[in-house]
Each structure stands twice: as C-alpha cells, then as structure tokens.
Amino acid sequence: MQSLGHARLRRDPWIRRTKQHYLDLIAMSLAGTAGEQVFLGGHDDGAAGNEGSDLFEATKTAMALERSYGMGAKLASFGDPKRHPGDGGHFDPMLLPRVDGILQEQFERAKTILARHREACVVLADKLASRLELSGQEVRDALDSPSQGMLSEKSG
C-alpha cells in the first residue's frame, strides 16, 4: 500500500545546525498540515497523534530548541530529552507555551510560503499524483519558474 504525504529528504550530515536550521525543520514538518489548511480549508488528524507523526516530530524539535540546545527563551540545557522522556515540562512550567509558540509561528510561516507558491504547488501535486515521486530539482524548477516570479510580485 502506498503511503500518502511522505517526504524523504536527504540531509548533509555536516550541515551546521543553527536555530534557523531547526526552525526550518519545524516548518517543513508542519507543511503537510499547512497545505491542507491552505488548499482545503482545514486539516485532518493524519499529521498528528502517533510518535513519528509530523506534529510529534515538530514538537520534539521545538522542545529540543527550548530545553536542550540553548536556542530558546532560556539558555539552560536539561540534556537530551530522549534520556528523560517523561519530564517534558517538569523543570519549567512555561516550556509548553513557548514550544506551542514556536509551532504556531512556523505553521504560519509554512502556510505563507505555500500560499505564495500556490500555482507551483498545484502543478507539483498533479505531477506527484501521476508519477508518485518528484526530485528536488523538479520542485526547485517549479518554484523558480517565471510564472512564480510574477505571482510573487503580485502578492508582494
């Protein structure tokens, strides 16, 4: 059975992992749900719930920014969250609101990007539905097409 909505991204193992890197990962993780909002007017529960789901992974990354990497509102690090999985907000009662703030901000960012590239998304979705796979270059080419430039100028 074919899985729907699955993206495999190859990452450079030596990439410098800055706060922006992690915010980008969160926005990408939330892009499927954002796409449902932009194109369908609402989202279903397919992106959330289970461990490994898009929302779970985005939440885990946002928690790591705030709790482990010293890249959140607080500089303190409470170590690897995998070693202490049950104590999500134990040390800081304000952790969950900060994490939710990051998620909301990146969700809005993903929706804005998708809305700006609406035309290319429709073209790419049609290609993906017929072929079941797209290369990164195909996506870049669609986003760089002249009609996308005109669309960005109109909405900018």
Protein backbone atom coordinates (compact mmCIF):
# COMPACT_ATOMS: atom_id res chain seq x y z
CA MET A 1 0.00 0.00 0.00
CA GLN A 2 1.35 3.43 -0.98
CA SER A 3 1.84 5.89 1.87
CA LEU A 4 0.44 9.35 1.16
CA GLY A 5 2.14 12.55 2.18
CA HIS A 6 5.53 11.06 2.90
CA ALA A 7 8.64 13.08 2.06
CA ARG A 8 12.16 11.72 2.22
CA LEU A 9 14.79 14.40 2.46
CA ARG A 10 18.49 13.75 2.19
CA ARG A 11 20.40 15.97 4.57
CA ASP A 12 24.04 16.86 4.53
CA PRO A 13 25.48 15.17 7.65
CA TRP A 14 27.90 18.06 8.16
CA ILE A 15 25.39 20.87 7.99
CA ARG A 16 25.76 23.46 10.71
CA ARG A 17 22.74 23.16 12.94
CA THR A 18 21.73 26.66 13.91
CA LYS A 19 18.43 27.81 15.38
CA GLN A 20 17.30 28.69 11.86
CA HIS A 21 18.09 25.14 10.73
CA TYR A 22 15.76 23.75 13.39
CA LEU A 23 13.04 26.33 12.68
CA ASP A 24 13.23 25.30 9.00
CA LEU A 25 12.83 21.63 10.02
CA ILE A 26 9.77 22.51 12.10
CA ALA A 27 8.21 24.50 9.24
CA MET A 28 8.89 21.61 6.83
CA SER A 29 7.38 19.12 9.29
CA LEU A 30 4.24 21.24 9.52
CA ALA A 31 4.00 21.88 5.75
CA GLY A 32 1.61 18.98 5.09
CA THR A 33 -0.88 20.23 7.66
CA ALA A 34 -0.34 23.79 6.44
CA GLY A 35 -1.01 22.63 2.88
CA GLU A 36 -4.32 21.11 3.96
CA GLN A 37 -5.24 24.43 5.57
CA VAL A 38 -4.24 26.49 2.52
CA PHE A 39 -5.71 24.23 -0.17
CA LEU A 40 -8.60 22.50 1.62
CA GLY A 41 -9.55 24.99 4.33
CA GLY A 42 -8.79 22.62 7.22
CA HIS A 43 -6.69 19.66 8.22
CA ASP A 44 -7.43 16.17 9.46
CA ASP A 45 -5.71 14.13 12.14
CA GLY A 46 -3.34 12.36 9.74
CA ALA A 47 -0.36 14.57 10.61
CA ALA A 48 -0.66 14.19 14.36
CA GLY A 49 -1.16 11.75 17.15
CA ASN A 50 1.35 8.98 16.83
CA GLU A 51 5.02 9.03 17.68
CA GLY A 52 6.84 9.79 14.46
CA SER A 53 3.96 11.87 13.05
CA ASP A 54 4.74 15.27 11.55
CA LEU A 55 3.33 17.19 14.52
CA PHE A 56 5.08 14.91 17.01
CA GLU A 57 8.44 15.44 15.26
CA ALA A 58 7.91 19.21 15.04
CA THR A 59 7.00 19.33 18.73
CA LYS A 60 10.04 17.26 19.66
CA THR A 61 12.31 19.62 17.70
CA ALA A 62 10.72 22.73 19.26
CA MET A 63 11.16 21.20 22.72
CA ALA A 64 14.81 20.47 21.98
CA LEU A 65 15.34 24.11 20.94
CA GLU A 66 13.82 25.30 24.19
CA ARG A 67 15.06 22.59 26.53
CA SER A 68 18.30 21.12 25.21
CA TYR A 69 20.07 23.28 22.66
CA GLY A 70 20.09 26.64 24.47
CA MET A 71 18.34 28.25 21.49
CA GLY A 72 15.06 29.20 23.12
CA ALA A 73 13.88 31.81 25.59
CA LYS A 74 16.18 30.28 28.22
CA LEU A 75 19.83 29.37 27.81
CA ALA A 76 19.75 26.42 30.22
CA SER A 77 20.01 22.89 28.88
CA PHE A 78 18.39 19.95 30.60
CA GLY A 79 20.13 17.40 28.42
CA ASP A 80 18.89 15.01 25.82
CA PRO A 81 15.09 14.72 26.01
CA LYS A 82 15.37 11.05 24.93
CA ARG A 83 17.05 10.29 28.25
CA HIS A 84 14.23 11.90 30.26
CA PRO A 85 11.13 11.44 28.07
CA GLY A 86 8.51 11.79 30.78
CA ASP A 87 9.56 15.13 32.20
CA GLY A 88 8.56 17.39 29.26
CA GLY A 89 7.72 20.47 31.30
CA HIS A 90 8.93 19.30 34.71
CA PHE A 91 11.71 21.85 35.12
CA ASP A 92 9.88 24.78 33.56
CA PRO A 93 6.10 25.25 33.65
CA MET A 94 6.37 27.78 30.80
CA LEU A 95 8.03 25.29 28.45
CA LEU A 96 4.86 24.09 26.74
CA PRO A 97 3.56 27.61 25.94
CA ARG A 98 6.96 28.50 24.44
CA VAL A 99 7.01 25.29 22.40
CA ASP A 100 3.48 25.95 21.18
CA GLY A 101 4.53 29.50 20.23
CA ILE A 102 7.34 28.11 18.06
CA LEU A 103 4.97 25.62 16.45
CA GLN A 104 2.33 28.28 15.74
CA GLU A 105 4.92 30.66 14.25
CA GLN A 106 6.39 28.00 11.97
CA PHE A 107 2.91 26.76 11.00
CA GLU A 108 2.00 30.29 9.88
CA ARG A 109 5.33 30.55 8.05
CA ALA A 110 4.64 27.29 6.19
CA LYS A 111 1.13 28.47 5.23
CA THR A 112 2.53 31.78 3.93
CA ILE A 113 5.15 30.01 1.80
CA LEU A 114 2.57 27.61 0.36
CA ALA A 115 0.11 30.41 -0.40
CA ARG A 116 2.86 32.39 -2.13
CA HIS A 117 3.70 29.37 -4.31
CA ARG A 118 0.12 28.16 -4.74
CA GLU A 119 0.34 27.80 -8.53
CA ALA A 120 3.56 25.75 -8.39
CA CYS A 121 2.08 23.55 -5.64
CA VAL A 122 -0.90 22.66 -7.84
CA VAL A 123 1.41 21.77 -10.76
CA LEU A 124 3.68 19.73 -8.50
CA ALA A 125 0.74 17.94 -6.86
CA ASP A 126 -0.55 16.88 -10.29
CA LYS A 127 2.89 15.55 -11.28
CA LEU A 128 3.27 13.78 -7.95
CA ALA A 129 -0.16 12.15 -8.23
CA SER A 130 0.65 10.76 -11.66
CA ARG A 131 4.26 9.70 -11.01
CA LEU A 132 4.30 9.16 -7.19
CA GLU A 133 7.74 10.76 -6.94
CA LEU A 134 9.42 14.11 -7.62
CA SER A 135 13.06 15.08 -7.46
CA GLY A 136 14.28 18.07 -5.52
CA GLN A 137 15.35 19.65 -8.80
CA GLU A 138 11.81 19.40 -10.18
CA VAL A 139 10.49 21.21 -7.13
CA ARG A 140 13.16 23.92 -7.37
CA ASP A 141 12.45 24.37 -11.09
CA ALA A 142 8.71 24.77 -10.46
CA LEU A 143 9.34 27.34 -7.72
CA ASP A 144 11.79 29.24 -9.93
CA SER A 145 9.51 29.31 -12.99
CA PRO A 146 8.71 32.76 -14.48
CA SER A 147 5.02 32.44 -13.57
CA GLN A 148 6.02 32.02 -9.90
CA GLY A 149 8.05 35.24 -10.10
CA MET A 150 5.04 37.12 -11.45
CA LEU A 151 2.84 35.57 -8.77
CA SER A 152 5.27 36.66 -6.02
CA GLU A 153 5.37 40.21 -7.42
CA LYS A 154 1.56 40.41 -7.44
CA SER A 155 1.27 39.18 -3.87
CA GLY A 156 4.31 41.08 -2.59
